[in-house]
Amino acid sequence: MSELSQSSPTKRVGFVPTFALSMVVVGVILTGAMGPLGGRIVQGALTATPHAPDWALLGALSPVIKIHLYAALAAVALGAALMVVRKGRAFHRAAGWTWVALVAAVAGSSIFITELNHGGWSLLHLFTGWTFLILPLAVIAARRRSVARHRRMMMGLFYGGFAINLLIAFIPGRTLWQAVFG
């Protein structure tokens, strides 16, 4: 027998260390991508003054950005609720389908948000493609009763997609930053 067939199975790394490592990697990538703007962003973060949302600023956004923003906020709130409730019950199924629709609306609307990159897509649109790939696969996994796969995919979308993009949305100088801290 070969040595490979006799080796013990590899131990899986838990969610928290994997998530922490992925956030560090994203931070390094963002720091490198921002280059010379990094100092201005750090300075903006240090001088932040939280206040009530600037509704006039949010009201002046284009309709597609409003759809994107409000669907994302609803998906974050509903997703957080889904993380803490008991799974497999009627509420989980109904709220899960609602969350899927909200995430699809967030990803679908993001295709039309191109103002930041002079009419073209940016690197953030890679999350859109990833969402359109993983979201239906996660639903299929649930329908096939592959609970572990469904859980990994949905948690990856929730924490990876929304946590990372929420951090990016609150970079000093961006609209959400201006609405809450600017």
C-alpha atoms as a PDB file:
ATOM      1  CA  MET A   1       0.000   0.000   0.000  1.00  0.00           C
ATOM      2  CA  SER A   2       1.129   3.500  -0.692  1.00  0.00           C
ATOM      3  CA  GLU A   3       1.897   5.996   1.992  1.00  0.00           C
ATOM      4  CA  LEU A   4      -0.841   8.306   0.737  1.00  0.00           C
ATOM      5  CA  SER A   5      -3.592   5.752   1.236  1.00  0.00           C
ATOM      6  CA  GLN A   6      -2.458   5.180   4.836  1.00  0.00           C
ATOM      7  CA  SER A   7      -2.262   8.834   5.866  1.00  0.00           C
ATOM      8  CA  SER A   8      -4.771  10.152   8.339  1.00  0.00           C
ATOM      9  CA  PRO A   9      -7.484  12.509   7.115  1.00  0.00           C
ATOM     10  CA  THR A  10      -6.663  16.194   7.270  1.00  0.00           C
ATOM     11  CA  LYS A  11      -8.234  18.228  10.021  1.00  0.00           C
ATOM     12  CA  ARG A  12     -10.577  20.995   8.859  1.00  0.00           C
ATOM     13  CA  VAL A  13      -9.855  24.522   9.960  1.00  0.00           C
ATOM     14  CA  GLY A  14     -12.737  26.228  11.763  1.00  0.00           C
ATOM     15  CA  PHE A  15     -14.810  29.122  10.465  1.00  0.00           C
ATOM     16  CA  VAL A  16     -13.371  31.839  12.718  1.00  0.00           C
ATOM     17  CA  PRO A  17      -9.701  31.330  11.770  1.00  0.00           C
ATOM     18  CA  THR A  18     -10.622  31.016   8.095  1.00  0.00           C
ATOM     19  CA  PHE A  19     -12.742  34.170   8.216  1.00  0.00           C
ATOM     20  CA  ALA A  20     -10.046  36.092  10.107  1.00  0.00           C
ATOM     21  CA  LEU A  21      -7.401  35.045   7.596  1.00  0.00           C
ATOM     22  CA  SER A  22      -9.620  36.017   4.677  1.00  0.00           C
ATOM     23  CA  MET A  23     -10.250  39.448   6.222  1.00  0.00           C
ATOM     24  CA  VAL A  24      -6.492  39.971   6.646  1.00  0.00           C
ATOM     25  CA  VAL A  25      -5.925  38.984   3.008  1.00  0.00           C
ATOM     26  CA  VAL A  26      -8.669  41.377   1.874  1.00  0.00           C
ATOM     27  CA  GLY A  27      -7.118  44.127   4.014  1.00  0.00           C
ATOM     28  CA  VAL A  28      -3.713  43.575   2.429  1.00  0.00           C
ATOM     29  CA  ILE A  29      -5.225  43.600  -1.069  1.00  0.00           C
ATOM     30  CA  LEU A  30      -7.198  46.768  -0.359  1.00  0.00           C
ATOM     31  CA  THR A  31      -4.168  48.478   1.162  1.00  0.00           C
ATOM     32  CA  GLY A  32      -2.115  47.625  -1.911  1.00  0.00           C
ATOM     33  CA  ALA A  33      -4.887  48.686  -4.268  1.00  0.00           C
ATOM     34  CA  MET A  34      -5.352  52.046  -2.566  1.00  0.00           C
ATOM     35  CA  GLY A  35      -1.670  52.855  -2.708  1.00  0.00           C
ATOM     36  CA  PRO A  36      -1.162  56.592  -2.286  1.00  0.00           C
ATOM     37  CA  LEU A  37      -4.770  57.131  -1.144  1.00  0.00           C
ATOM     38  CA  GLY A  38      -4.169  55.019   1.967  1.00  0.00           C
ATOM     39  CA  GLY A  39      -2.849  57.946   4.012  1.00  0.00           C
ATOM     40  CA  ARG A  40      -5.847  60.107   3.166  1.00  0.00           C
ATOM     41  CA  ILE A  41      -8.222  57.264   4.014  1.00  0.00           C
ATOM     42  CA  VAL A  42      -6.558  56.665   7.398  1.00  0.00           C
ATOM     43  CA  GLN A  43      -6.644  60.421   8.093  1.00  0.00           C
ATOM     44  CA  GLY A  44     -10.348  60.506   7.215  1.00  0.00           C
ATOM     45  CA  ALA A  45     -11.035  57.565   9.507  1.00  0.00           C
ATOM     46  CA  LEU A  46      -9.218  59.229  12.403  1.00  0.00           C
ATOM     47  CA  THR A  47     -11.223  62.441  12.055  1.00  0.00           C
ATOM     48  CA  ALA A  48     -14.621  60.740  11.720  1.00  0.00           C
ATOM     49  CA  THR A  49     -17.562  62.253  13.562  1.00  0.00           C
ATOM     50  CA  PRO A  50     -20.543  59.896  13.634  1.00  0.00           C
ATOM     51  CA  HIS A  51     -23.934  61.545  13.170  1.00  0.00           C
ATOM     52  CA  ALA A  52     -27.467  60.694  12.115  1.00  0.00           C
ATOM     53  CA  PRO A  53     -27.649  59.641   8.464  1.00  0.00           C
ATOM     54  CA  ASP A  54     -27.692  62.479   5.944  1.00  0.00           C
ATOM     55  CA  TRP A  55     -31.046  61.628   4.339  1.00  0.00           C
ATOM     56  CA  ALA A  56     -30.687  64.405   1.755  1.00  0.00           C
ATOM     57  CA  LEU A  57     -27.452  62.839   0.509  1.00  0.00           C
ATOM     58  CA  LEU A  58     -29.035  59.386   0.376  1.00  0.00           C
ATOM     59  CA  GLY A  59     -32.148  60.805  -1.302  1.00  0.00           C
ATOM     60  CA  ALA A  60     -30.030  62.320  -4.074  1.00  0.00           C
ATOM     61  CA  LEU A  61     -28.627  58.925  -5.110  1.00  0.00           C
ATOM     62  CA  SER A  62     -29.646  57.408  -8.430  1.00  0.00           C
ATOM     63  CA  PRO A  63     -32.538  54.907  -8.335  1.00  0.00           C
ATOM     64  CA  VAL A  64     -30.262  51.933  -9.058  1.00  0.00           C
ATOM     65  CA  ILE A  65     -27.958  52.844  -6.169  1.00  0.00           C
ATOM     66  CA  LYS A  66     -30.970  53.262  -3.861  1.00  0.00           C
ATOM     67  CA  ILE A  67     -32.223  49.792  -4.831  1.00  0.00           C
ATOM     68  CA  HIS A  68     -28.737  48.410  -4.257  1.00  0.00           C
ATOM     69  CA  LEU A  69     -28.294  50.146  -0.892  1.00  0.00           C
ATOM     70  CA  TYR A  70     -31.696  49.381   0.609  1.00  0.00           C
ATOM     71  CA  ALA A  71     -31.721  45.762  -0.621  1.00  0.00           C
ATOM     72  CA  ALA A  72     -28.223  45.309   0.847  1.00  0.00           C
ATOM     73  CA  LEU A  73     -29.256  46.780   4.204  1.00  0.00           C
ATOM     74  CA  ALA A  74     -32.334  44.548   4.300  1.00  0.00           C
ATOM     75  CA  ALA A  75     -30.221  41.514   3.342  1.00  0.00           C
ATOM     76  CA  VAL A  76     -27.721  42.257   6.121  1.00  0.00           C
ATOM     77  CA  ALA A  77     -30.497  42.585   8.711  1.00  0.00           C
ATOM     78  CA  LEU A  78     -32.368  39.476   7.546  1.00  0.00           C
ATOM     79  CA  GLY A  79     -29.128  37.515   7.133  1.00  0.00           C
ATOM     80  CA  ALA A  80     -28.112  38.351  10.701  1.00  0.00           C
ATOM     81  CA  ALA A  81     -31.489  37.110  11.920  1.00  0.00           C
ATOM     82  CA  LEU A  82     -31.097  33.919   9.899  1.00  0.00           C
ATOM     83  CA  MET A  83     -27.717  33.275  11.506  1.00  0.00           C
ATOM     84  CA  VAL A  84     -29.246  33.094  14.968  1.00  0.00           C
ATOM     85  CA  VAL A  85     -32.600  31.348  14.435  1.00  0.00           C
ATOM     86  CA  ARG A  86     -33.143  27.627  14.349  1.00  0.00           C
ATOM     87  CA  LYS A  87     -32.554  26.211  10.887  1.00  0.00           C
ATOM     88  CA  GLY A  88     -34.912  24.086   8.823  1.00  0.00           C
ATOM     89  CA  ARG A  89     -38.133  25.530  10.187  1.00  0.00           C
ATOM     90  CA  ALA A  90     -40.798  27.375   8.219  1.00  0.00           C
ATOM     91  CA  PHE A  91     -39.376  30.787   9.178  1.00  0.00           C
ATOM     92  CA  HIS A  92     -35.912  29.782   8.002  1.00  0.00           C
ATOM     93  CA  ARG A  93     -37.269  28.650   4.642  1.00  0.00           C
ATOM     94  CA  ALA A  94     -39.463  31.713   4.056  1.00  0.00           C
ATOM     95  CA  ALA A  95     -36.849  34.182   5.282  1.00  0.00           C
ATOM     96  CA  GLY A  96     -34.180  32.295   3.338  1.00  0.00           C
ATOM     97  CA  TRP A  97     -36.057  32.700   0.057  1.00  0.00           C
ATOM     98  CA  THR A  98     -36.552  36.380   0.864  1.00  0.00           C
ATOM     99  CA  TRP A  99     -32.821  36.699   1.571  1.00  0.00           C
ATOM    100  CA  VAL A 100     -32.005  35.002  -1.731  1.00  0.00           C
ATOM    101  CA  ALA A 101     -34.250  37.489  -3.556  1.00  0.00           C
ATOM    102  CA  LEU A 102     -32.618  40.422  -1.740  1.00  0.00           C
ATOM    103  CA  VAL A 103     -29.106  39.171  -2.529  1.00  0.00           C
ATOM    104  CA  ALA A 104     -30.073  38.680  -6.177  1.00  0.00           C
ATOM    105  CA  ALA A 105     -31.407  42.266  -6.216  1.00  0.00           C
ATOM    106  CA  VAL A 106     -28.164  43.559  -4.691  1.00  0.00           C
ATOM    107  CA  ALA A 107     -26.034  41.673  -7.212  1.00  0.00           C
ATOM    108  CA  GLY A 108     -28.314  42.507 -10.138  1.00  0.00           C
ATOM    109  CA  SER A 109     -28.379  46.211  -9.347  1.00  0.00           C
ATOM    110  CA  SER A 110     -24.609  46.308  -8.921  1.00  0.00           C
ATOM    111  CA  ILE A 111     -24.192  45.484 -12.602  1.00  0.00           C
ATOM    112  CA  PHE A 112     -25.584  48.929 -13.395  1.00  0.00           C
ATOM    113  CA  ILE A 113     -23.454  50.836 -10.870  1.00  0.00           C
ATOM    114  CA  THR A 114     -20.494  51.976 -12.933  1.00  0.00           C
ATOM    115  CA  GLU A 115     -20.087  55.663 -12.022  1.00  0.00           C
ATOM    116  CA  LEU A 116     -17.032  55.057  -9.852  1.00  0.00           C
ATOM    117  CA  ASN A 117     -15.040  53.570 -12.717  1.00  0.00           C
ATOM    118  CA  HIS A 118     -15.937  56.023 -15.496  1.00  0.00           C
ATOM    119  CA  GLY A 119     -18.729  53.873 -16.911  1.00  0.00           C
ATOM    120  CA  GLY A 120     -16.931  50.535 -16.537  1.00  0.00           C
ATOM    121  CA  TRP A 121     -16.968  47.796 -13.976  1.00  0.00           C
ATOM    122  CA  SER A 122     -14.521  47.757 -11.066  1.00  0.00           C
ATOM    123  CA  LEU A 123     -12.879  44.956  -9.112  1.00  0.00           C
ATOM    124  CA  LEU A 124     -15.878  45.000  -6.753  1.00  0.00           C
ATOM    125  CA  HIS A 125     -17.960  43.576  -9.589  1.00  0.00           C
ATOM    126  CA  LEU A 126     -16.085  40.301  -9.124  1.00  0.00           C
ATOM    127  CA  PHE A 127     -18.317  39.844  -6.058  1.00  0.00           C
ATOM    128  CA  THR A 128     -21.316  40.165  -8.380  1.00  0.00           C
ATOM    129  CA  GLY A 129     -20.120  37.320 -10.558  1.00  0.00           C
ATOM    130  CA  TRP A 130     -19.278  35.233  -7.514  1.00  0.00           C
ATOM    131  CA  THR A 131     -22.755  35.857  -6.078  1.00  0.00           C
ATOM    132  CA  PHE A 132     -24.487  34.872  -9.316  1.00  0.00           C
ATOM    133  CA  LEU A 133     -22.474  31.642  -9.272  1.00  0.00           C
ATOM    134  CA  ILE A 134     -22.763  30.672  -5.602  1.00  0.00           C
ATOM    135  CA  LEU A 135     -26.339  31.782  -4.824  1.00  0.00           C
ATOM    136  CA  PRO A 136     -28.103  29.240  -7.075  1.00  0.00           C
ATOM    137  CA  LEU A 137     -25.620  26.517  -6.091  1.00  0.00           C
ATOM    138  CA  ALA A 138     -26.428  27.146  -2.415  1.00  0.00           C
ATOM    139  CA  VAL A 139     -30.159  26.901  -3.128  1.00  0.00           C
ATOM    140  CA  ILE A 140     -29.620  23.663  -5.054  1.00  0.00           C
ATOM    141  CA  ALA A 141     -27.574  22.298  -2.133  1.00  0.00           C
ATOM    142  CA  ALA A 142     -30.457  23.032   0.249  1.00  0.00           C
ATOM    143  CA  ARG A 143     -33.006  21.417  -2.064  1.00  0.00           C
ATOM    144  CA  ARG A 144     -30.787  18.319  -2.283  1.00  0.00           C
ATOM    145  CA  ARG A 145     -30.548  18.275   1.521  1.00  0.00           C
ATOM    146  CA  SER A 146     -26.807  18.878   1.445  1.00  0.00           C
ATOM    147  CA  VAL A 147     -26.996  20.948   4.606  1.00  0.00           C
ATOM    148  CA  ALA A 148     -23.247  21.342   5.226  1.00  0.00           C
ATOM    149  CA  ARG A 149     -22.611  22.584   1.677  1.00  0.00           C
ATOM    150  CA  HIS A 150     -25.632  24.904   1.832  1.00  0.00           C
ATOM    151  CA  ARG A 151     -24.441  26.322   5.167  1.00  0.00           C
ATOM    152  CA  ARG A 152     -20.879  26.935   3.911  1.00  0.00           C
ATOM    153  CA  MET A 153     -22.058  28.665   0.758  1.00  0.00           C
ATOM    154  CA  MET A 154     -24.648  30.872   2.445  1.00  0.00           C
ATOM    155  CA  MET A 155     -22.336  31.814   5.293  1.00  0.00           C
ATOM    156  CA  GLY A 156     -19.621  32.565   2.762  1.00  0.00           C
ATOM    157  CA  LEU A 157     -21.985  34.849   0.858  1.00  0.00           C
ATOM    158  CA  PHE A 158     -23.181  36.550   4.013  1.00  0.00           C
ATOM    159  CA  TYR A 159     -19.867  37.056   5.785  1.00  0.00           C
ATOM    160  CA  GLY A 160     -17.623  37.214   2.754  1.00  0.00           C
ATOM    161  CA  GLY A 161     -19.814  39.200   0.416  1.00  0.00           C
ATOM    162  CA  PHE A 162     -21.600  41.509   2.811  1.00  0.00           C
ATOM    163  CA  ALA A 163     -18.930  41.953   5.501  1.00  0.00           C
ATOM    164  CA  ILE A 164     -16.178  42.739   3.010  1.00  0.00           C
ATOM    165  CA  ASN A 165     -18.346  44.971   0.845  1.00  0.00           C
ATOM    166  CA  LEU A 166     -19.720  46.781   3.889  1.00  0.00           C
ATOM    167  CA  LEU A 167     -16.156  47.602   4.938  1.00  0.00           C
ATOM    168  CA  ILE A 168     -15.434  48.840   1.426  1.00  0.00           C
ATOM    169  CA  ALA A 169     -18.635  50.915   1.371  1.00  0.00           C
ATOM    170  CA  PHE A 170     -17.516  52.740   4.517  1.00  0.00           C
ATOM    171  CA  ILE A 171     -14.095  53.767   3.219  1.00  0.00           C
ATOM    172  CA  PRO A 172     -13.703  57.483   3.990  1.00  0.00           C
ATOM    173  CA  GLY A 173     -14.836  59.600   1.060  1.00  0.00           C
ATOM    174  CA  ARG A 174     -17.428  57.142  -0.258  1.00  0.00           C
ATOM    175  CA  THR A 175     -21.148  57.895  -0.127  1.00  0.00           C
ATOM    176  CA  LEU A 176     -22.028  55.818   2.947  1.00  0.00           C
ATOM    177  CA  TRP A 177     -19.076  57.298   4.799  1.00  0.00           C
ATOM    178  CA  GLN A 178     -20.258  60.813   3.946  1.00  0.00           C
ATOM    179  CA  ALA A 179     -23.833  59.973   4.961  1.00  0.00           C
ATOM    180  CA  VAL A 180     -22.870  58.686   8.424  1.00  0.00           C
ATOM    181  CA  PHE A 181     -19.445  60.118   9.306  1.00  0.00           C
ATOM    182  CA  GLY A 182     -18.742  62.992   6.897  1.00  0.00           C
END
